[in-house]
Structure formats: structure tokens, C-alpha cells
Amino acid sequence: LSSTHAVVIDLETRSVLEEKDPDAVISPASMTKILTALVAAEHITEADLDQAFTMTIDITDYCYVNGCSVVGLMVGETVSVRELFYGTILPSGADAALGLATYVAGSQEAFVALMNEKLEELGIADTAHFTNCVGLFDENHKCTVSDMAVILEAAMDNDLCREVLGARTYETAATTDHPEGQILSNWFLRRIEDKETNGEVVCAKTGYVVQSGNCAASYEVTNSGKHYICVTANAHSGWRCIYDHVE
């Protein structure tokens, strides 16, 4: 594998099938947003999904200053909370993730506290600690690929997260700023779906910052009905990351 860190887990037997330096501390980059979606999903009701959220200049400025990947939501643009979930995962939109954090907890700081509480609940707080909800590099924003596997498994147990992480595309509603709506796409799922993996990659989330290289977490159901989670980090390109997951 090109990736310098990797783990493959059989969810039925709870066994690690393959690993490559799985306990080294890494920057999770935008894989962070798996936990963002999970924590948000656990703190809202079904009725919240259709509630409106209006983008603020604080959110758009944060994304611009930090060079974040975004959905492209504009100041004053109003979208549903449901669309914030899809915007967080499919195009890895920091604007959508910050919108979720603000809707749920009032601020990113308060939301990050909920994220770290969830890490405690999952039993991985000794090695995992997050300082933001979008995946920006910070020396104290860290986990291992094994930790991320735990986070992804927890997300798979949440119906909303499983639905969002498994969407290939999602069409947003029309707004004044986007009168035809937007087609959001999970490029990892769309690029791996025609590769031979002896099954179907059902859910996935990528990440990249310089300090992490290209990384991803994926969940596959094989043709024989087995369930696997794979997490890799520090591949030298986005395509190489995909081919490591295929392998």
C-alpha cells in the first residue's frame, strides 16, 4: 500500500485482518466530519431535519481564511438541516459542518466539546481528541486509523449517518443564491464503484491536509455478506488512496 497507516476490520468477528502502523497518531483531516455528522445526528430529532438554517458571515469567513473545502453556501443563504448533513459529507463542506455545529450547540467550541464527549463514550479518548469539527490541522486534533474505524462503525449504527455516508449524489433545493440547486457528489464512492472489491463499498469519507496525506474511511459489504471497515492515511494522491482501499 502507498498509505503509511492502514487497518482492515472484520465487523462480525471483531478481528483485525490487516494492519500497517495502525496505532500511530495522525491528523484525521476531513474524516473528522464522520464524527461531526454522528454527534449532530444524535442531538437532533427527525423534525429538525426540515428546519431552516441561515449561513452567517462568521462561518463563511472561517472557511475562507482557513482554505476549507466548501459546499459554496453564501452569507444569508438558507438551507435545511438535512442539506447540511449531505453538504458536510459528500463535498466535505466545512460551511455545512459549521452550520450543523452551530445549529446543534450554538458554536463550534460547544459542539467540539460534544465531539470529545463522544470519543470518551466510544472508549478512544486516550488517543483521539478533536479541536474542530471540520478537520483542520492542529497538533491537538488527532486520532489513529484504529480510532477512526471505531468512529465509522458507530456512524454505521446511526440510520441518518449511514444514509448520508452512503449517498453517491444528492440534489439540494433551489435557493436565491443557487436557483437551480446543487448536485452534491461523494467522489470516493463514485470512483470506487466500478472497481473490483468483491462486494460494494457502501459508505465512505475522505480527508486531506498536508500533514495527513490522502486518507479515507470506508465500509464494505462483500458479495458473501461479510462486513468490513477499512481506514487508511497518508497516501500520496487521492487516486492512490482509492486503490489502497480496493486492495
Protein backbone atom coordinates (compact mmCIF):
# COMPACT_ATOMS: atom_id res chain seq x y z
CA LEU A 1 0.00 0.00 0.00
CA SER A 2 1.04 3.56 -0.63
CA SER A 3 -0.71 4.59 2.60
CA THR A 4 1.65 4.50 5.58
CA HIS A 5 -1.16 3.72 8.04
CA ALA A 6 -4.00 1.26 7.50
CA VAL A 7 -6.37 -1.11 9.25
CA VAL A 8 -8.98 -3.57 7.94
CA ILE A 9 -11.51 -4.92 10.43
CA ASP A 10 -13.98 -7.80 10.14
CA LEU A 11 -17.03 -6.47 11.97
CA GLU A 12 -18.53 -9.92 12.57
CA THR A 13 -15.52 -11.49 14.30
CA ARG A 14 -14.22 -8.18 15.71
CA SER A 15 -10.82 -9.14 14.33
CA VAL A 16 -8.16 -7.05 12.63
CA LEU A 17 -7.41 -8.75 9.31
CA GLU A 18 -4.63 -6.45 8.14
CA GLU A 19 -2.83 -3.51 9.67
CA LYS A 20 0.00 -1.15 8.91
CA ASP A 21 1.20 1.08 11.74
CA PRO A 22 -2.43 1.42 12.90
CA ASP A 23 -1.76 2.98 16.30
CA ALA A 24 0.36 5.91 15.16
CA VAL A 25 -1.22 9.29 15.88
CA ILE A 26 -2.35 11.00 12.68
CA SER A 27 -4.26 14.09 11.66
CA PRO A 28 -7.70 12.80 10.64
CA ALA A 29 -8.31 15.71 8.26
CA SER A 30 -11.87 15.65 6.87
CA MET A 31 -12.52 12.13 8.15
CA THR A 32 -13.31 14.26 11.22
CA LYS A 33 -16.65 15.03 9.60
CA ILE A 34 -17.83 11.45 10.19
CA LEU A 35 -17.87 12.27 13.90
CA THR A 36 -19.37 15.70 13.18
CA ALA A 37 -22.29 14.05 11.40
CA LEU A 38 -22.68 11.38 14.10
CA VAL A 39 -22.72 13.83 17.01
CA ALA A 40 -25.13 16.13 15.16
CA ALA A 41 -27.42 13.20 14.33
CA GLU A 42 -27.52 12.15 17.98
CA HIS A 43 -28.50 15.62 19.12
CA ILE A 44 -31.41 16.33 16.76
CA THR A 45 -34.84 14.89 16.10
CA GLU A 46 -36.43 13.88 12.80
CA ALA A 47 -38.34 17.17 12.84
CA ASP A 48 -35.09 19.13 12.97
CA LEU A 49 -34.05 17.85 9.55
CA ASP A 50 -36.56 20.11 7.79
CA GLN A 51 -35.74 23.16 9.90
CA ALA A 52 -34.02 26.08 8.16
CA PHE A 53 -30.50 27.29 8.87
CA THR A 54 -29.14 30.59 7.57
CA MET A 55 -25.45 30.92 6.78
CA THR A 56 -23.56 33.60 8.71
CA ILE A 57 -20.55 35.66 7.77
CA ASP A 58 -18.63 34.11 10.67
CA ILE A 59 -18.96 30.69 9.03
CA THR A 60 -18.04 31.81 5.52
CA ASP A 61 -15.11 33.88 6.80
CA TYR A 62 -13.79 30.91 8.81
CA CYS A 63 -13.88 28.72 5.71
CA TYR A 64 -12.21 31.36 3.54
CA VAL A 65 -9.44 32.22 5.99
CA ASN A 66 -8.61 28.56 6.59
CA GLY A 67 -8.84 27.47 2.96
CA CYS A 68 -11.52 24.87 3.68
CA SER A 69 -13.38 22.77 1.14
CA VAL A 70 -16.94 24.09 0.97
CA VAL A 71 -20.37 23.50 -0.48
CA GLY A 72 -20.34 27.14 -1.56
CA LEU A 73 -23.12 28.41 0.67
CA MET A 74 -23.36 32.21 0.76
CA VAL A 75 -23.91 34.64 3.62
CA GLY A 76 -27.64 34.81 4.26
CA GLU A 77 -28.40 31.69 2.23
CA THR A 78 -30.97 29.49 3.97
CA VAL A 79 -30.91 25.70 3.66
CA SER A 80 -32.41 22.81 5.56
CA VAL A 81 -30.58 20.98 8.33
CA ARG A 82 -30.90 17.85 6.20
CA GLU A 83 -28.91 19.54 3.44
CA LEU A 84 -26.24 20.50 5.98
CA PHE A 85 -25.68 16.78 6.64
CA TYR A 86 -25.26 15.96 2.97
CA GLY A 87 -23.12 19.07 2.44
CA THR A 88 -20.84 18.04 5.31
CA ILE A 89 -20.17 14.56 3.91
CA LEU A 90 -20.50 14.47 0.11
CA PRO A 91 -18.42 17.53 -0.93
CA SER A 92 -16.80 17.67 2.53
CA GLY A 93 -18.17 21.15 3.07
CA ALA A 94 -16.77 22.96 6.07
CA ASP A 95 -19.51 25.58 5.70
CA ALA A 96 -22.15 22.86 6.12
CA ALA A 97 -20.27 21.23 9.03
CA LEU A 98 -20.02 24.54 10.86
CA GLY A 99 -23.70 25.09 10.17
CA LEU A 100 -24.51 21.76 11.83
CA ALA A 101 -22.29 22.59 14.80
CA THR A 102 -23.92 25.97 15.22
CA TYR A 103 -27.45 24.59 14.86
CA VAL A 104 -26.84 21.83 17.41
CA ALA A 105 -24.71 23.56 20.01
CA GLY A 106 -24.70 27.28 19.27
CA SER A 107 -20.99 27.42 18.42
CA GLN A 108 -18.19 25.26 17.09
CA GLU A 109 -16.50 25.31 20.50
CA ALA A 110 -19.56 23.95 22.28
CA PHE A 111 -20.04 21.34 19.57
CA VAL A 112 -16.41 20.18 19.78
CA ALA A 113 -16.99 19.54 23.48
CA LEU A 114 -19.81 17.18 22.47
CA MET A 115 -17.47 15.50 19.97
CA ASN A 116 -14.89 14.83 22.66
CA GLU A 117 -17.60 13.51 24.97
CA LYS A 118 -18.49 11.04 22.21
CA LEU A 119 -14.85 9.96 21.95
CA GLU A 120 -14.94 9.25 25.69
CA GLU A 121 -18.14 7.24 25.25
CA LEU A 122 -16.54 5.22 22.44
CA GLY A 123 -13.56 4.45 24.67
CA ILE A 124 -10.93 6.01 22.42
CA ALA A 125 -10.27 9.32 24.19
CA ASP A 126 -6.78 8.22 25.25
CA THR A 127 -5.56 8.58 21.67
CA ALA A 128 -8.32 10.60 19.97
CA HIS A 129 -9.01 14.27 20.65
CA PHE A 130 -10.61 16.83 18.33
CA THR A 131 -10.28 20.62 18.39
CA ASN A 132 -12.55 21.47 15.45
CA CYS A 133 -15.45 19.95 13.54
CA VAL A 134 -14.05 20.28 10.01
CA GLY A 135 -10.65 18.58 10.14
CA LEU A 136 -8.23 21.50 10.11
CA PHE A 137 -4.73 20.56 11.19
CA ASP A 138 -3.93 21.23 14.83
CA GLU A 139 -1.34 19.42 16.93
CA ASN A 140 -4.10 18.52 19.38
CA HIS A 141 -6.55 17.40 16.66
CA LYS A 142 -5.62 13.76 16.37
CA CYS A 143 -6.54 10.08 16.38
CA THR A 144 -5.31 6.78 14.94
CA VAL A 145 -6.70 4.87 11.97
CA SER A 146 -7.95 2.32 14.51
CA ASP A 147 -9.83 5.11 16.32
CA MET A 148 -11.39 6.25 13.07
CA ALA A 149 -12.59 2.70 12.42
CA VAL A 150 -14.42 2.83 15.76
CA ILE A 151 -15.98 6.17 14.82
CA LEU A 152 -17.11 4.90 11.42
CA GLU A 153 -18.63 1.77 12.95
CA ALA A 154 -20.61 3.94 15.38
CA ALA A 155 -21.79 6.08 12.47
CA MET A 156 -22.95 2.95 10.64
CA ASP A 157 -25.19 2.16 13.59
CA ASN A 158 -26.97 5.52 13.13
CA ASP A 159 -29.60 5.40 10.39
CA LEU A 160 -29.19 9.02 9.31
CA CYS A 161 -25.39 8.84 9.18
CA ARG A 162 -25.50 5.59 7.25
CA GLU A 163 -27.88 7.15 4.73
CA VAL A 164 -25.77 10.28 4.27
CA LEU A 165 -22.41 8.49 4.16
CA GLY A 166 -23.83 6.09 1.59
CA ALA A 167 -25.23 8.68 -0.81
CA ARG A 168 -23.46 8.88 -4.18
CA THR A 169 -25.17 12.15 -5.05
CA TYR A 170 -27.72 14.50 -3.51
CA GLU A 171 -29.66 17.31 -5.14
CA THR A 172 -30.28 20.36 -2.97
CA ALA A 173 -33.33 22.58 -3.10
CA ALA A 174 -33.27 25.83 -5.04
CA THR A 175 -32.29 28.99 -3.17
CA THR A 176 -31.85 32.60 -4.19
CA ASP A 177 -28.09 32.09 -4.42
CA HIS A 178 -28.43 28.72 -6.17
CA PRO A 179 -31.69 28.98 -8.15
CA GLU A 180 -31.20 25.56 -9.76
CA GLY A 181 -29.98 23.89 -6.58
CA GLN A 182 -26.71 21.96 -6.47
CA ILE A 183 -25.73 18.37 -7.21
CA LEU A 184 -23.51 17.20 -4.35
CA SER A 185 -21.30 14.17 -5.01
CA ASN A 186 -19.27 11.70 -2.93
CA TRP A 187 -16.38 11.27 -5.38
CA PHE A 188 -14.78 8.39 -3.44
CA LEU A 189 -17.91 6.24 -3.74
CA ARG A 190 -18.42 7.16 -7.38
CA ARG A 191 -14.81 6.41 -8.32
CA ILE A 192 -14.58 3.11 -6.47
CA GLU A 193 -17.95 1.68 -7.53
CA ASP A 194 -16.60 0.24 -10.79
CA LYS A 195 -13.50 -1.29 -9.17
CA GLU A 196 -13.41 -4.98 -8.22
CA THR A 197 -13.66 -5.25 -4.45
CA ASN A 198 -15.70 -8.48 -4.29
CA GLY A 199 -18.62 -6.52 -2.91
CA GLU A 200 -19.93 -2.97 -2.56
CA VAL A 201 -18.35 -0.08 -0.75
CA VAL A 202 -21.50 1.18 0.96
CA CYS A 203 -20.21 4.24 2.80
CA ALA A 204 -17.04 6.32 2.73
CA LYS A 205 -15.46 9.63 3.70
CA THR A 206 -12.14 11.04 2.53
CA GLY A 207 -9.77 13.57 4.01
CA TYR A 208 -6.69 15.56 3.12
CA VAL A 209 -4.39 18.00 4.78
CA VAL A 210 -0.67 18.20 4.11
CA GLN A 211 0.10 16.61 7.48
CA SER A 212 -2.18 13.59 6.86
CA GLY A 213 -1.73 12.96 3.17
CA ASN A 214 -4.75 11.48 1.42
CA CYS A 215 -6.83 9.40 3.81
CA ALA A 216 -10.21 7.69 3.84
CA ALA A 217 -12.53 5.51 5.87
CA SER A 218 -14.81 3.05 4.06
CA TYR A 219 -17.36 0.36 4.88
CA GLU A 220 -17.94 -2.58 2.56
CA VAL A 221 -20.48 -5.39 2.36
CA THR A 222 -18.98 -8.28 0.37
CA ASN A 223 -20.77 -10.49 -2.12
CA SER A 224 -20.81 -13.22 0.54
CA GLY A 225 -22.44 -10.89 3.08
CA LYS A 226 -19.41 -10.08 5.23
CA HIS A 227 -18.89 -6.59 6.65
CA TYR A 228 -15.56 -4.78 6.70
CA ILE A 229 -14.24 -1.37 7.67
CA CYS A 230 -11.03 -0.03 6.15
CA VAL A 231 -9.24 3.14 7.21
CA THR A 232 -6.06 4.41 5.56
CA ALA A 233 -3.92 7.51 5.91
CA ASN A 234 -1.03 9.21 4.16
CA ALA A 235 -1.35 8.05 0.56
CA HIS A 236 0.44 10.29 -1.93
CA SER A 237 -2.66 11.02 -4.03
CA GLY A 238 -6.42 10.78 -3.94
CA TRP A 239 -6.46 8.02 -6.55
CA ARG A 240 -3.75 6.08 -4.72
CA CYS A 241 -5.91 6.25 -1.60
CA ILE A 242 -8.83 4.72 -3.51
CA TYR A 243 -6.67 1.93 -4.94
CA ASP A 244 -5.37 1.15 -1.45
CA HIS A 245 -8.96 0.63 -0.35
CA VAL A 246 -9.61 -1.54 -3.41
CA GLU A 247 -6.59 -3.63 -2.48
